[in-house]
Full PDB file with SEQRES, HELIX, SHEET, SSBOND, CRYST1, ORIGX, SCALE, CONECT and MASTER records, all heavy atoms in Angstrom:
SEQRES   1 A   44  LYS TRP GLY TYR ALA ILE ALA GLY ILE THR VAL TYR TYR          
SEQRES   2 A   44  PHE GLY ALA ILE CYS ILE GLY MET ILE ILE VAL LEU ILE          
SEQRES   3 A   44  LEU GLU TYR PHE GLU LEU PHE ASN ILE ASP SER VAL ASN          
SEQRES   4 A   44  ASP THR VAL LEU GLY                                          
HELIX    1 AA1 TRP A    2  TYR A   29  1                                  28    
HELIX    2 AA2 ILE A   35  SER A   37  5                                   3    
HELIX    3 AA3 ASP A   40  LEU A   43  1                                   4    
CRYST1    1.000    1.000    1.000  90.00  90.00  90.00 P 1           1          
ORIGX1      1.000000  0.000000  0.000000        0.00000                         
ORIGX2      0.000000  1.000000  0.000000        0.00000                         
ORIGX3      0.000000  0.000000  1.000000        0.00000                         
SCALE1      1.000000  0.000000  0.000000        0.00000                         
SCALE2      0.000000  1.000000  0.000000        0.00000                         
SCALE3      0.000000  0.000000  1.000000        0.00000                         
ATOM      1  N   LYS A   1     -18.550   4.414  19.015  1.00  0.00           N  
ATOM      2  CA  LYS A   1     -18.486   3.196  18.168  1.00  0.00           C  
ATOM      3  C   LYS A   1     -18.162   3.447  16.697  1.00  0.00           C  
ATOM      4  O   LYS A   1     -17.245   2.885  16.194  1.00  0.00           O  
ATOM      5  CB  LYS A   1     -19.782   2.368  18.395  1.00  0.00           C  
ATOM      6  CG  LYS A   1     -20.007   1.885  19.742  1.00  0.00           C  
ATOM      7  CD  LYS A   1     -21.369   1.286  19.874  1.00  0.00           C  
ATOM      8  CE  LYS A   1     -22.031   2.004  20.973  1.00  0.00           C  
ATOM      9  NZ  LYS A   1     -23.413   1.845  21.118  1.00  0.00           N  
ATOM     10  N   TRP A   2     -18.975   4.273  16.145  1.00  0.00           N  
ATOM     11  CA  TRP A   2     -18.769   4.500  14.681  1.00  0.00           C  
ATOM     12  C   TRP A   2     -17.510   5.262  14.443  1.00  0.00           C  
ATOM     13  O   TRP A   2     -16.827   5.057  13.413  1.00  0.00           O  
ATOM     14  CB  TRP A   2     -19.999   5.267  14.123  1.00  0.00           C  
ATOM     15  CG  TRP A   2     -21.166   4.363  13.906  1.00  0.00           C  
ATOM     16  CD1 TRP A   2     -22.291   4.263  14.683  1.00  0.00           C  
ATOM     17  CD2 TRP A   2     -21.281   3.385  12.944  1.00  0.00           C  
ATOM     18  NE1 TRP A   2     -23.077   3.319  14.176  1.00  0.00           N  
ATOM     19  CE2 TRP A   2     -22.499   2.703  13.144  1.00  0.00           C  
ATOM     20  CE3 TRP A   2     -20.447   2.904  11.877  1.00  0.00           C  
ATOM     21  CZ2 TRP A   2     -22.915   1.686  12.249  1.00  0.00           C  
ATOM     22  CZ3 TRP A   2     -20.873   1.939  11.068  1.00  0.00           C  
ATOM     23  CH2 TRP A   2     -22.164   1.309  11.286  1.00  0.00           C  
ATOM     24  N   GLY A   3     -17.073   6.165  15.337  1.00  0.00           N  
ATOM     25  CA  GLY A   3     -15.837   6.863  15.076  1.00  0.00           C  
ATOM     26  C   GLY A   3     -14.680   5.961  15.074  1.00  0.00           C  
ATOM     27  O   GLY A   3     -13.784   6.092  14.244  1.00  0.00           O  
ATOM     28  N   TYR A   4     -14.619   4.982  15.996  1.00  0.00           N  
ATOM     29  CA  TYR A   4     -13.511   4.063  15.959  1.00  0.00           C  
ATOM     30  C   TYR A   4     -13.578   3.033  14.895  1.00  0.00           C  
ATOM     31  O   TYR A   4     -12.593   2.559  14.460  1.00  0.00           O  
ATOM     32  CB  TYR A   4     -13.307   3.415  17.405  1.00  0.00           C  
ATOM     33  CG  TYR A   4     -12.721   4.402  18.332  1.00  0.00           C  
ATOM     34  CD1 TYR A   4     -13.513   5.103  19.305  1.00  0.00           C  
ATOM     35  CD2 TYR A   4     -11.338   4.648  18.307  1.00  0.00           C  
ATOM     36  CE1 TYR A   4     -12.954   6.056  20.144  1.00  0.00           C  
ATOM     37  CE2 TYR A   4     -10.849   5.627  19.198  1.00  0.00           C  
ATOM     38  CZ  TYR A   4     -11.612   6.286  20.066  1.00  0.00           C  
ATOM     39  OH  TYR A   4     -11.063   7.187  20.978  1.00  0.00           O  
ATOM     40  N   ALA A   5     -14.819   2.674  14.437  1.00  0.00           N  
ATOM     41  CA  ALA A   5     -14.894   1.784  13.344  1.00  0.00           C  
ATOM     42  C   ALA A   5     -14.335   2.445  12.069  1.00  0.00           C  
ATOM     43  O   ALA A   5     -13.554   1.820  11.328  1.00  0.00           O  
ATOM     44  CB  ALA A   5     -16.386   1.434  13.087  1.00  0.00           C  
ATOM     45  N   ILE A   6     -14.588   3.689  11.856  1.00  0.00           N  
ATOM     46  CA  ILE A   6     -14.092   4.441  10.727  1.00  0.00           C  
ATOM     47  C   ILE A   6     -12.637   4.695  10.880  1.00  0.00           C  
ATOM     48  O   ILE A   6     -11.881   4.640   9.886  1.00  0.00           O  
ATOM     49  CB  ILE A   6     -14.887   5.801  10.550  1.00  0.00           C  
ATOM     50  CG1 ILE A   6     -16.299   5.471  10.165  1.00  0.00           C  
ATOM     51  CG2 ILE A   6     -14.192   6.684   9.569  1.00  0.00           C  
ATOM     52  CD1 ILE A   6     -17.226   6.695  10.159  1.00  0.00           C  
ATOM     53  N   ALA A   7     -12.174   4.886  12.116  1.00  0.00           N  
ATOM     54  CA  ALA A   7     -10.750   5.085  12.321  1.00  0.00           C  
ATOM     55  C   ALA A   7      -9.966   3.777  12.033  1.00  0.00           C  
ATOM     56  O   ALA A   7      -8.836   3.877  11.421  1.00  0.00           O  
ATOM     57  CB  ALA A   7     -10.458   5.484  13.793  1.00  0.00           C  
ATOM     58  N   GLY A   8     -10.486   2.664  12.303  1.00  0.00           N  
ATOM     59  CA  GLY A   8      -9.809   1.438  12.020  1.00  0.00           C  
ATOM     60  C   GLY A   8      -9.750   1.182  10.505  1.00  0.00           C  
ATOM     61  O   GLY A   8      -8.636   0.744  10.026  1.00  0.00           O  
ATOM     62  N   ILE A   9     -10.760   1.529   9.806  1.00  0.00           N  
ATOM     63  CA  ILE A   9     -10.707   1.362   8.310  1.00  0.00           C  
ATOM     64  C   ILE A   9      -9.701   2.424   7.727  1.00  0.00           C  
ATOM     65  O   ILE A   9      -8.941   2.057   6.862  1.00  0.00           O  
ATOM     66  CB  ILE A   9     -12.057   1.596   7.756  1.00  0.00           C  
ATOM     67  CG1 ILE A   9     -12.961   0.377   8.132  1.00  0.00           C  
ATOM     68  CG2 ILE A   9     -12.067   1.743   6.236  1.00  0.00           C  
ATOM     69  CD1 ILE A   9     -14.433   0.567   7.825  1.00  0.00           C  
ATOM     70  N   THR A  10      -9.666   3.544   8.295  1.00  0.00           N  
ATOM     71  CA  THR A  10      -8.736   4.677   7.760  1.00  0.00           C  
ATOM     72  C   THR A  10      -7.261   4.223   8.120  1.00  0.00           C  
ATOM     73  O   THR A  10      -6.480   4.376   7.239  1.00  0.00           O  
ATOM     74  CB  THR A  10      -9.002   5.973   8.555  1.00  0.00           C  
ATOM     75  OG1 THR A  10     -10.385   6.366   8.328  1.00  0.00           O  
ATOM     76  CG2 THR A  10      -8.100   7.048   8.046  1.00  0.00           C  
ATOM     77  N   VAL A  11      -7.052   3.608   9.189  1.00  0.00           N  
ATOM     78  CA  VAL A  11      -5.673   3.136   9.527  1.00  0.00           C  
ATOM     79  C   VAL A  11      -5.265   1.992   8.597  1.00  0.00           C  
ATOM     80  O   VAL A  11      -4.124   1.927   8.202  1.00  0.00           O  
ATOM     81  CB  VAL A  11      -5.603   2.693  10.965  1.00  0.00           C  
ATOM     82  CG1 VAL A  11      -4.353   1.894  11.268  1.00  0.00           C  
ATOM     83  CG2 VAL A  11      -5.650   3.922  11.945  1.00  0.00           C  
ATOM     84  N   TYR A  12      -6.252   1.140   8.258  1.00  0.00           N  
ATOM     85  CA  TYR A  12      -5.954   0.073   7.262  1.00  0.00           C  
ATOM     86  C   TYR A  12      -5.450   0.703   5.940  1.00  0.00           C  
ATOM     87  O   TYR A  12      -4.499   0.315   5.448  1.00  0.00           O  
ATOM     88  CB  TYR A  12      -7.193  -0.778   7.015  1.00  0.00           C  
ATOM     89  CG  TYR A  12      -7.077  -1.698   5.875  1.00  0.00           C  
ATOM     90  CD1 TYR A  12      -6.330  -2.873   5.948  1.00  0.00           C  
ATOM     91  CD2 TYR A  12      -7.672  -1.364   4.635  1.00  0.00           C  
ATOM     92  CE1 TYR A  12      -6.179  -3.693   4.822  1.00  0.00           C  
ATOM     93  CE2 TYR A  12      -7.444  -2.198   3.526  1.00  0.00           C  
ATOM     94  CZ  TYR A  12      -6.773  -3.360   3.680  1.00  0.00           C  
ATOM     95  OH  TYR A  12      -6.585  -4.200   2.560  1.00  0.00           O  
ATOM     96  N   TYR A  13      -6.260   1.690   5.385  1.00  0.00           N  
ATOM     97  CA  TYR A  13      -5.811   2.219   4.151  1.00  0.00           C  
ATOM     98  C   TYR A  13      -4.464   3.025   4.307  1.00  0.00           C  
ATOM     99  O   TYR A  13      -3.626   2.979   3.432  1.00  0.00           O  
ATOM    100  CB  TYR A  13      -6.923   3.208   3.623  1.00  0.00           C  
ATOM    101  CG  TYR A  13      -7.991   2.495   2.895  1.00  0.00           C  
ATOM    102  CD1 TYR A  13      -9.319   2.509   3.352  1.00  0.00           C  
ATOM    103  CD2 TYR A  13      -7.738   1.740   1.789  1.00  0.00           C  
ATOM    104  CE1 TYR A  13     -10.271   1.869   2.669  1.00  0.00           C  
ATOM    105  CE2 TYR A  13      -8.720   1.072   1.121  1.00  0.00           C  
ATOM    106  CZ  TYR A  13      -9.995   1.144   1.520  1.00  0.00           C  
ATOM    107  OH  TYR A  13     -11.030   0.455   0.890  1.00  0.00           O  
ATOM    108  N   PHE A  14      -4.311   3.725   5.423  1.00  0.00           N  
ATOM    109  CA  PHE A  14      -3.083   4.459   5.625  1.00  0.00           C  
ATOM    110  C   PHE A  14      -1.862   3.511   5.636  1.00  0.00           C  
ATOM    111  O   PHE A  14      -0.871   3.749   5.039  1.00  0.00           O  
ATOM    112  CB  PHE A  14      -3.151   5.216   6.903  1.00  0.00           C  
ATOM    113  CG  PHE A  14      -1.917   6.025   7.328  1.00  0.00           C  
ATOM    114  CD1 PHE A  14      -1.637   7.169   6.703  1.00  0.00           C  
ATOM    115  CD2 PHE A  14      -0.972   5.466   8.196  1.00  0.00           C  
ATOM    116  CE1 PHE A  14      -0.516   7.858   6.972  1.00  0.00           C  
ATOM    117  CE2 PHE A  14       0.142   6.167   8.502  1.00  0.00           C  
ATOM    118  CZ  PHE A  14       0.418   7.353   7.869  1.00  0.00           C  
ATOM    119  N   GLY A  15      -1.962   2.400   6.394  1.00  0.00           N  
ATOM    120  CA  GLY A  15      -0.897   1.465   6.418  1.00  0.00           C  
ATOM    121  C   GLY A  15      -0.639   0.816   5.071  1.00  0.00           C  
ATOM    122  O   GLY A  15       0.588   0.599   4.722  1.00  0.00           O  
ATOM    123  N   ALA A  16      -1.686   0.422   4.372  1.00  0.00           N  
ATOM    124  CA  ALA A  16      -1.475  -0.257   3.138  1.00  0.00           C  
ATOM    125  C   ALA A  16      -0.868   0.728   2.140  1.00  0.00           C  
ATOM    126  O   ALA A  16       0.057   0.326   1.354  1.00  0.00           O  
ATOM    127  CB  ALA A  16      -2.836  -0.779   2.590  1.00  0.00           C  
ATOM    128  N   ILE A  17      -1.348   1.919   2.053  1.00  0.00           N  
ATOM    129  CA  ILE A  17      -0.764   2.926   1.098  1.00  0.00           C  
ATOM    130  C   ILE A  17       0.587   3.377   1.429  1.00  0.00           C  
ATOM    131  O   ILE A  17       1.519   3.290   0.655  1.00  0.00           O  
ATOM    132  CB  ILE A  17      -1.727   4.032   0.936  1.00  0.00           C  
ATOM    133  CG1 ILE A  17      -3.038   3.530   0.216  1.00  0.00           C  
ATOM    134  CG2 ILE A  17      -1.174   5.145   0.070  1.00  0.00           C  
ATOM    135  CD1 ILE A  17      -4.119   4.517   0.174  1.00  0.00           C  
ATOM    136  N   CYS A  18       0.785   3.848   2.654  1.00  0.00           N  
ATOM    137  CA  CYS A  18       2.086   4.415   3.051  1.00  0.00           C  
ATOM    138  C   CYS A  18       3.246   3.458   3.175  1.00  0.00           C  
ATOM    139  O   CYS A  18       4.255   3.554   2.529  1.00  0.00           O  
ATOM    140  CB  CYS A  18       1.936   5.217   4.400  1.00  0.00           C  
ATOM    141  SG  CYS A  18       0.955   6.636   4.240  1.00  0.00           S  
ATOM    142  N   ILE A  19       3.034   2.430   3.963  1.00  0.00           N  
ATOM    143  CA  ILE A  19       4.092   1.468   4.180  1.00  0.00           C  
ATOM    144  C   ILE A  19       4.327   0.652   2.910  1.00  0.00           C  
ATOM    145  O   ILE A  19       5.426   0.358   2.487  1.00  0.00           O  
ATOM    146  CB  ILE A  19       3.779   0.490   5.337  1.00  0.00           C  
ATOM    147  CG1 ILE A  19       3.775   1.346   6.620  1.00  0.00           C  
ATOM    148  CG2 ILE A  19       4.810  -0.668   5.473  1.00  0.00           C  
ATOM    149  CD1 ILE A  19       3.277   0.559   7.805  1.00  0.00           C  
ATOM    150  N   GLY A  20       3.259   0.237   2.242  1.00  0.00           N  
ATOM    151  CA  GLY A  20       3.361  -0.491   1.011  1.00  0.00           C  
ATOM    152  C   GLY A  20       4.037   0.303  -0.106  1.00  0.00           C  
ATOM    153  O   GLY A  20       4.893  -0.241  -0.781  1.00  0.00           O  
ATOM    154  N   MET A  21       3.748   1.518  -0.174  1.00  0.00           N  
ATOM    155  CA  MET A  21       4.370   2.370  -1.193  1.00  0.00           C  
ATOM    156  C   MET A  21       5.847   2.650  -0.968  1.00  0.00           C  
ATOM    157  O   MET A  21       6.662   2.662  -1.826  1.00  0.00           O  
ATOM    158  CB  MET A  21       3.586   3.674  -1.390  1.00  0.00           C  
ATOM    159  CG  MET A  21       2.251   3.522  -1.994  1.00  0.00           C  
ATOM    160  SD  MET A  21       2.192   2.506  -3.494  1.00  0.00           S  
ATOM    161  CE  MET A  21       2.933   3.574  -4.652  1.00  0.00           C  
ATOM    162  N   ILE A  22       6.191   2.766   0.291  1.00  0.00           N  
ATOM    163  CA  ILE A  22       7.609   2.889   0.647  1.00  0.00           C  
ATOM    164  C   ILE A  22       8.386   1.656   0.219  1.00  0.00           C  
ATOM    165  O   ILE A  22       9.426   1.779  -0.413  1.00  0.00           O  
ATOM    166  CB  ILE A  22       7.736   3.103   2.207  1.00  0.00           C  
ATOM    167  CG1 ILE A  22       7.272   4.552   2.499  1.00  0.00           C  
ATOM    168  CG2 ILE A  22       9.207   2.964   2.577  1.00  0.00           C  
ATOM    169  CD1 ILE A  22       7.141   4.812   3.995  1.00  0.00           C  
ATOM    170  N   ILE A  23       7.857   0.439   0.464  1.00  0.00           N  
ATOM    171  CA  ILE A  23       8.523  -0.772   0.041  1.00  0.00           C  
ATOM    172  C   ILE A  23       8.565  -0.903  -1.437  1.00  0.00           C  
ATOM    173  O   ILE A  23       9.590  -1.291  -2.045  1.00  0.00           O  
ATOM    174  CB  ILE A  23       7.820  -2.005   0.687  1.00  0.00           C  
ATOM    175  CG1 ILE A  23       8.074  -1.934   2.221  1.00  0.00           C  
ATOM    176  CG2 ILE A  23       8.319  -3.302   0.130  1.00  0.00           C  
ATOM    177  CD1 ILE A  23       7.386  -2.993   3.053  1.00  0.00           C  
ATOM    178  N   VAL A  24       7.500  -0.582  -2.078  1.00  0.00           N  
ATOM    179  CA  VAL A  24       7.460  -0.599  -3.522  1.00  0.00           C  
ATOM    180  C   VAL A  24       8.435   0.373  -4.164  1.00  0.00           C  
ATOM    181  O   VAL A  24       9.195  -0.003  -5.143  1.00  0.00           O  
ATOM    182  CB  VAL A  24       6.004  -0.340  -4.073  1.00  0.00           C  
ATOM    183  CG1 VAL A  24       5.998  -0.089  -5.555  1.00  0.00           C  
ATOM    184  CG2 VAL A  24       5.087  -1.481  -3.760  1.00  0.00           C  
ATOM    185  N   LEU A  25       8.562   1.532  -3.603  1.00  0.00           N  
ATOM    186  CA  LEU A  25       9.538   2.486  -4.125  1.00  0.00           C  
ATOM    187  C   LEU A  25      10.969   2.029  -3.915  1.00  0.00           C  
ATOM    188  O   LEU A  25      11.843   2.253  -4.794  1.00  0.00           O  
ATOM    189  CB  LEU A  25       9.308   3.877  -3.447  1.00  0.00           C  
ATOM    190  CG  LEU A  25       8.041   4.652  -3.906  1.00  0.00           C  
ATOM    191  CD1 LEU A  25       7.911   5.900  -3.103  1.00  0.00           C  
ATOM    192  CD2 LEU A  25       8.090   4.897  -5.344  1.00  0.00           C  
ATOM    193  N   ILE A  26      11.240   1.457  -2.758  1.00  0.00           N  
ATOM    194  CA  ILE A  26      12.560   0.867  -2.512  1.00  0.00           C  
ATOM    195  C   ILE A  26      12.867  -0.263  -3.522  1.00  0.00           C  
ATOM    196  O   ILE A  26      13.945  -0.262  -4.090  1.00  0.00           O  
ATOM    197  CB  ILE A  26      12.727   0.330  -1.098  1.00  0.00           C  
ATOM    198  CG1 ILE A  26      12.713   1.572  -0.104  1.00  0.00           C  
ATOM    199  CG2 ILE A  26      13.949  -0.459  -0.882  1.00  0.00           C  
ATOM    200  CD1 ILE A  26      12.584   1.201   1.358  1.00  0.00           C  
ATOM    201  N   LEU A  27      11.939  -1.125  -3.739  1.00  0.00           N  
ATOM    202  CA  LEU A  27      12.127  -2.151  -4.751  1.00  0.00           C  
ATOM    203  C   LEU A  27      12.317  -1.594  -6.178  1.00  0.00           C  
ATOM    204  O   LEU A  27      13.036  -2.138  -6.956  1.00  0.00           O  
ATOM    205  CB  LEU A  27      11.044  -3.242  -4.635  1.00  0.00           C  
ATOM    206  CG  LEU A  27      10.961  -4.045  -3.382  1.00  0.00           C  
ATOM    207  CD1 LEU A  27       9.690  -4.864  -3.453  1.00  0.00           C  
ATOM    208  CD2 LEU A  27      12.181  -4.869  -3.214  1.00  0.00           C  
ATOM    209  N   GLU A  28      11.549  -0.577  -6.444  1.00  0.00           N  
ATOM    210  CA  GLU A  28      11.669   0.062  -7.762  1.00  0.00           C  
ATOM    211  C   GLU A  28      13.019   0.766  -7.867  1.00  0.00           C  
ATOM    212  O   GLU A  28      13.629   0.713  -9.011  1.00  0.00           O  
ATOM    213  CB  GLU A  28      10.514   1.109  -7.903  1.00  0.00           C  
ATOM    214  CG  GLU A  28      10.463   1.768  -9.256  1.00  0.00           C  
ATOM    215  CD  GLU A  28       9.740   1.007 -10.322  1.00  0.00           C  
ATOM    216  OE1 GLU A  28       8.838   0.195  -9.925  1.00  0.00           O  
ATOM    217  OE2 GLU A  28       9.950   1.150 -11.475  1.00  0.00           O  
ATOM    218  N   TYR A  29      13.481   1.364  -6.865  1.00  0.00           N  
ATOM    219  CA  TYR A  29      14.784   2.046  -6.930  1.00  0.00           C  
ATOM    220  C   TYR A  29      15.952   1.047  -7.190  1.00  0.00           C  
ATOM    221  O   TYR A  29      16.818   1.370  -7.970  1.00  0.00           O  
ATOM    222  CB  TYR A  29      15.099   2.782  -5.601  1.00  0.00           C  
ATOM    223  CG  TYR A  29      16.306   3.514  -5.506  1.00  0.00           C  
ATOM    224  CD1 TYR A  29      16.522   4.651  -6.226  1.00  0.00           C  
ATOM    225  CD2 TYR A  29      17.371   2.956  -4.806  1.00  0.00           C  
ATOM    226  CE1 TYR A  29      17.737   5.300  -6.210  1.00  0.00           C  
ATOM    227  CE2 TYR A  29      18.618   3.554  -4.770  1.00  0.00           C  
ATOM    228  CZ  TYR A  29      18.828   4.780  -5.424  1.00  0.00           C  
ATOM    229  OH  TYR A  29      20.025   5.426  -5.422  1.00  0.00           O  
ATOM    230  N   PHE A  30      15.911  -0.080  -6.603  1.00  0.00           N  
ATOM    231  CA  PHE A  30      16.914  -1.064  -6.850  1.00  0.00           C  
ATOM    232  C   PHE A  30      16.636  -2.037  -8.032  1.00  0.00           C  
ATOM    233  O   PHE A  30      17.393  -3.004  -8.231  1.00  0.00           O  
ATOM    234  CB  PHE A  30      17.103  -1.985  -5.555  1.00  0.00           C  
ATOM    235  CG  PHE A  30      17.749  -1.195  -4.422  1.00  0.00           C  
ATOM    236  CD1 PHE A  30      17.042  -0.948  -3.273  1.00  0.00           C  
ATOM    237  CD2 PHE A  30      19.046  -0.756  -4.472  1.00  0.00           C  
ATOM    238  CE1 PHE A  30      17.604  -0.226  -2.275  1.00  0.00           C  
ATOM    239  CE2 PHE A  30      19.626  -0.086  -3.444  1.00  0.00           C  
ATOM    240  CZ  PHE A  30      18.889   0.225  -2.326  1.00  0.00           C  
ATOM    241  N   GLU A  31      15.600  -1.641  -8.757  1.00  0.00           N  
ATOM    242  CA  GLU A  31      15.213  -2.289 -10.014  1.00  0.00           C  
ATOM    243  C   GLU A  31      14.944  -3.818  -9.757  1.00  0.00           C  
ATOM    244  O   GLU A  31      15.235  -4.670 -10.622  1.00  0.00           O  
ATOM    245  CB  GLU A  31      16.216  -2.123 -11.082  1.00  0.00           C  
ATOM    246  CG  GLU A  31      16.440  -0.656 -11.413  1.00  0.00           C  
ATOM    247  CD  GLU A  31      17.548  -0.483 -12.499  1.00  0.00           C  
ATOM    248  OE1 GLU A  31      18.124  -1.448 -12.946  1.00  0.00           O  
ATOM    249  OE2 GLU A  31      17.759   0.698 -12.856  1.00  0.00           O  
ATOM    250  N   LEU A  32      14.368  -4.136  -8.595  1.00  0.00           N  
ATOM    251  CA  LEU A  32      13.987  -5.453  -8.325  1.00  0.00           C  
ATOM    252  C   LEU A  32      12.483  -5.749  -8.682  1.00  0.00           C  
ATOM    253  O   LEU A  32      12.020  -6.884  -8.686  1.00  0.00           O  
ATOM    254  CB  LEU A  32      14.165  -5.773  -6.858  1.00  0.00           C  
ATOM    255  CG  LEU A  32      15.633  -5.707  -6.359  1.00  0.00           C  
ATOM    256  CD1 LEU A  32      15.613  -5.812  -4.835  1.00  0.00           C  
ATOM    257  CD2 LEU A  32      16.492  -6.821  -7.014  1.00  0.00           C  
ATOM    258  N   PHE A  33      11.800  -4.738  -8.929  1.00  0.00           N  
ATOM    259  CA  PHE A  33      10.322  -4.736  -9.094  1.00  0.00           C  
ATOM    260  C   PHE A  33       9.938  -3.573  -9.976  1.00  0.00           C  
ATOM    261  O   PHE A  33      10.404  -2.477  -9.917  1.00  0.00           O  
ATOM    262  CB  PHE A  33       9.766  -4.527  -7.674  1.00  0.00           C  
ATOM    263  CG  PHE A  33       8.296  -4.678  -7.605  1.00  0.00           C  
ATOM    264  CD1 PHE A  33       7.691  -5.923  -7.666  1.00  0.00           C  
ATOM    265  CD2 PHE A  33       7.467  -3.580  -7.388  1.00  0.00           C  
ATOM    266  CE1 PHE A  33       6.252  -6.005  -7.558  1.00  0.00           C  
ATOM    267  CE2 PHE A  33       6.138  -3.683  -7.331  1.00  0.00           C  
ATOM    268  CZ  PHE A  33       5.529  -4.904  -7.411  1.00  0.00           C  
ATOM    269  N   ASN A  34       9.033  -3.921 -10.917  1.00  0.00           N  
ATOM    270  CA  ASN A  34       8.487  -2.829 -11.791  1.00  0.00           C  
ATOM    271  C   ASN A  34       6.961  -2.715 -11.530  1.00  0.00           C  
ATOM    272  O   ASN A  34       6.248  -3.558 -11.838  1.00  0.00           O  
ATOM    273  CB  ASN A  34       8.750  -3.218 -13.246  1.00  0.00           C  
ATOM    274  CG  ASN A  34       8.400  -2.094 -14.248  1.00  0.00           C  
ATOM    275  OD1 ASN A  34       7.928  -0.990 -13.817  1.00  0.00           O  
ATOM    276  ND2 ASN A  34       8.575  -2.314 -15.450  1.00  0.00           N  
ATOM    277  N   ILE A  35       6.631  -1.542 -11.015  1.00  0.00           N  
ATOM    278  CA  ILE A  35       5.183  -1.301 -10.590  1.00  0.00           C  
ATOM    279  C   ILE A  35       4.261  -1.334 -11.782  1.00  0.00           C  
ATOM    280  O   ILE A  35       3.112  -1.637 -11.681  1.00  0.00           O  
ATOM    281  CB  ILE A  35       5.084  -0.040  -9.755  1.00  0.00           C  
ATOM    282  CG1 ILE A  35       3.686   0.063  -9.090  1.00  0.00           C  
ATOM    283  CG2 ILE A  35       5.272   1.174 -10.574  1.00  0.00           C  
ATOM    284  CD1 ILE A  35       3.566  -0.806  -7.953  1.00  0.00           C  
ATOM    285  N   ASP A  36       4.764  -0.958 -12.939  1.00  0.00           N  
ATOM    286  CA  ASP A  36       3.893  -0.843 -14.132  1.00  0.00           C  
ATOM    287  C   ASP A  36       3.440  -2.265 -14.625  1.00  0.00           C  
ATOM    288  O   ASP A  36       2.469  -2.357 -15.260  1.00  0.00           O  
ATOM    289  CB  ASP A  36       4.644  -0.162 -15.321  1.00  0.00           C  
ATOM    290  CG  ASP A  36       4.891   1.289 -14.926  1.00  0.00           C  
ATOM    291  OD1 ASP A  36       4.131   1.843 -14.158  1.00  0.00           O  
ATOM    292  OD2 ASP A  36       5.915   1.877 -15.462  1.00  0.00           O  
ATOM    293  N   SER A  37       4.178  -3.252 -14.327  1.00  0.00           N  
ATOM    294  CA  SER A  37       3.833  -4.608 -14.831  1.00  0.00           C  
ATOM    295  C   SER A  37       3.005  -5.363 -13.928  1.00  0.00           C  
ATOM    296  O   SER A  37       2.668  -6.536 -14.192  1.00  0.00           O  
ATOM    297  CB  SER A  37       5.157  -5.362 -15.102  1.00  0.00           C  
ATOM    298  OG  SER A  37       5.858  -5.589 -13.913  1.00  0.00           O  
ATOM    299  N   VAL A  38       2.584  -4.814 -12.754  1.00  0.00           N  
ATOM    300  CA  VAL A  38       1.775  -5.539 -11.791  1.00  0.00           C  
ATOM    301  C   VAL A  38       0.369  -5.219 -11.965  1.00  0.00           C  
ATOM    302  O   VAL A  38      -0.043  -4.016 -12.118  1.00  0.00           O  
ATOM    303  CB  VAL A  38       2.307  -5.133 -10.371  1.00  0.00           C  
ATOM    304  CG1 VAL A  38       1.414  -5.827  -9.310  1.00  0.00           C  
ATOM    305  CG2 VAL A  38       3.716  -5.544 -10.146  1.00  0.00           C  
ATOM    306  N   ASN A  39      -0.502  -6.290 -11.937  1.00  0.00           N  
ATOM    307  CA  ASN A  39      -1.939  -6.168 -11.997  1.00  0.00           C  
ATOM    308  C   ASN A  39      -2.445  -5.419 -10.711  1.00  0.00           C  
ATOM    309  O   ASN A  39      -1.860  -5.600  -9.635  1.00  0.00           O  
ATOM    310  CB  ASN A  39      -2.571  -7.531 -12.122  1.00  0.00           C  
ATOM    311  CG  ASN A  39      -3.987  -7.494 -12.349  1.00  0.00           C  
ATOM    312  OD1 ASN A  39      -4.643  -6.437 -12.368  1.00  0.00           O  
ATOM    313  ND2 ASN A  39      -4.531  -8.671 -12.604  1.00  0.00           N  
ATOM    314  N   ASP A  40      -3.528  -4.670 -10.845  1.00  0.00           N  
ATOM    315  CA  ASP A  40      -4.092  -3.925  -9.630  1.00  0.00           C  
ATOM    316  C   ASP A  40      -4.530  -4.945  -8.569  1.00  0.00           C  
ATOM    317  O   ASP A  40      -4.364  -4.668  -7.350  1.00  0.00           O  
ATOM    318  CB  ASP A  40      -5.241  -3.081 -10.100  1.00  0.00           C  
ATOM    319  CG  ASP A  40      -4.800  -1.874 -10.925  1.00  0.00           C  
ATOM    320  OD1 ASP A  40      -3.631  -1.467 -10.824  1.00  0.00           O  
ATOM    321  OD2 ASP A  40      -5.673  -1.277 -11.580  1.00  0.00           O  
ATOM    322  N   THR A  41      -5.096  -5.975  -8.914  1.00  0.00           N  
ATOM    323  CA  THR A  41      -5.534  -7.028  -7.910  1.00  0.00           C  
ATOM    324  C   THR A  41      -4.362  -7.543  -7.078  1.00  0.00           C  
ATOM    325  O   THR A  41      -4.423  -7.717  -5.896  1.00  0.00           O  
ATOM    326  CB  THR A  41      -6.267  -8.138  -8.631  1.00  0.00           C  
ATOM    327  OG1 THR A  41      -7.319  -7.618  -9.427  1.00  0.00           O  
ATOM    328  CG2 THR A  41      -6.880  -9.102  -7.566  1.00  0.00           C  
ATOM    329  N   VAL A  42      -3.299  -7.851  -7.887  1.00  0.00           N  
ATOM    330  CA  VAL A  42      -2.089  -8.368  -7.277  1.00  0.00           C  
ATOM    331  C   VAL A  42      -1.477  -7.296  -6.282  1.00  0.00           C  
ATOM    332  O   VAL A  42      -1.027  -7.615  -5.191  1.00  0.00           O  
ATOM    333  CB  VAL A  42      -1.055  -8.853  -8.279  1.00  0.00           C  
ATOM    334  CG1 VAL A  42       0.253  -9.218  -7.661  1.00  0.00           C  
ATOM    335  CG2 VAL A  42      -1.572 -10.016  -9.112  1.00  0.00           C  
ATOM    336  N   LEU A  43      -1.486  -6.072  -6.754  1.00  0.00           N  
ATOM    337  CA  LEU A  43      -0.974  -5.001  -5.905  1.00  0.00           C  
ATOM    338  C   LEU A  43      -1.778  -4.840  -4.612  1.00  0.00           C  
ATOM    339  O   LEU A  43      -1.170  -4.655  -3.534  1.00  0.00           O  
ATOM    340  CB  LEU A  43      -0.883  -3.702  -6.681  1.00  0.00           C  
ATOM    341  CG  LEU A  43      -0.193  -2.546  -6.028  1.00  0.00           C  
ATOM    342  CD1 LEU A  43       1.276  -2.858  -5.773  1.00  0.00           C  
ATOM    343  CD2 LEU A  43      -0.314  -1.320  -6.872  1.00  0.00           C  
ATOM    344  N   GLY A  44      -3.083  -4.957  -4.792  1.00  0.00           N  
ATOM    345  CA  GLY A  44      -3.910  -4.868  -3.583  1.00  0.00           C  
ATOM    346  C   GLY A  44      -3.689  -5.968  -2.587  1.00  0.00           C  
ATOM    347  O   GLY A  44      -3.701  -5.799  -1.361  1.00  0.00           O  
TER     348      GLY A  44                                                      
MASTER        0    0    0    3    0    0    0    6  347    1    0    4          
END                                                                             
């Protein structure tokens, strides 16, 4: 039970960080988005 509860939370962070950062980097590359101007809450 606890192992899979922790695994679910880990997958949440992994998906948010990895997939989200890939999209943010693509938008940053095409200069559609500037990561420095975004509030941390909005980014979350």
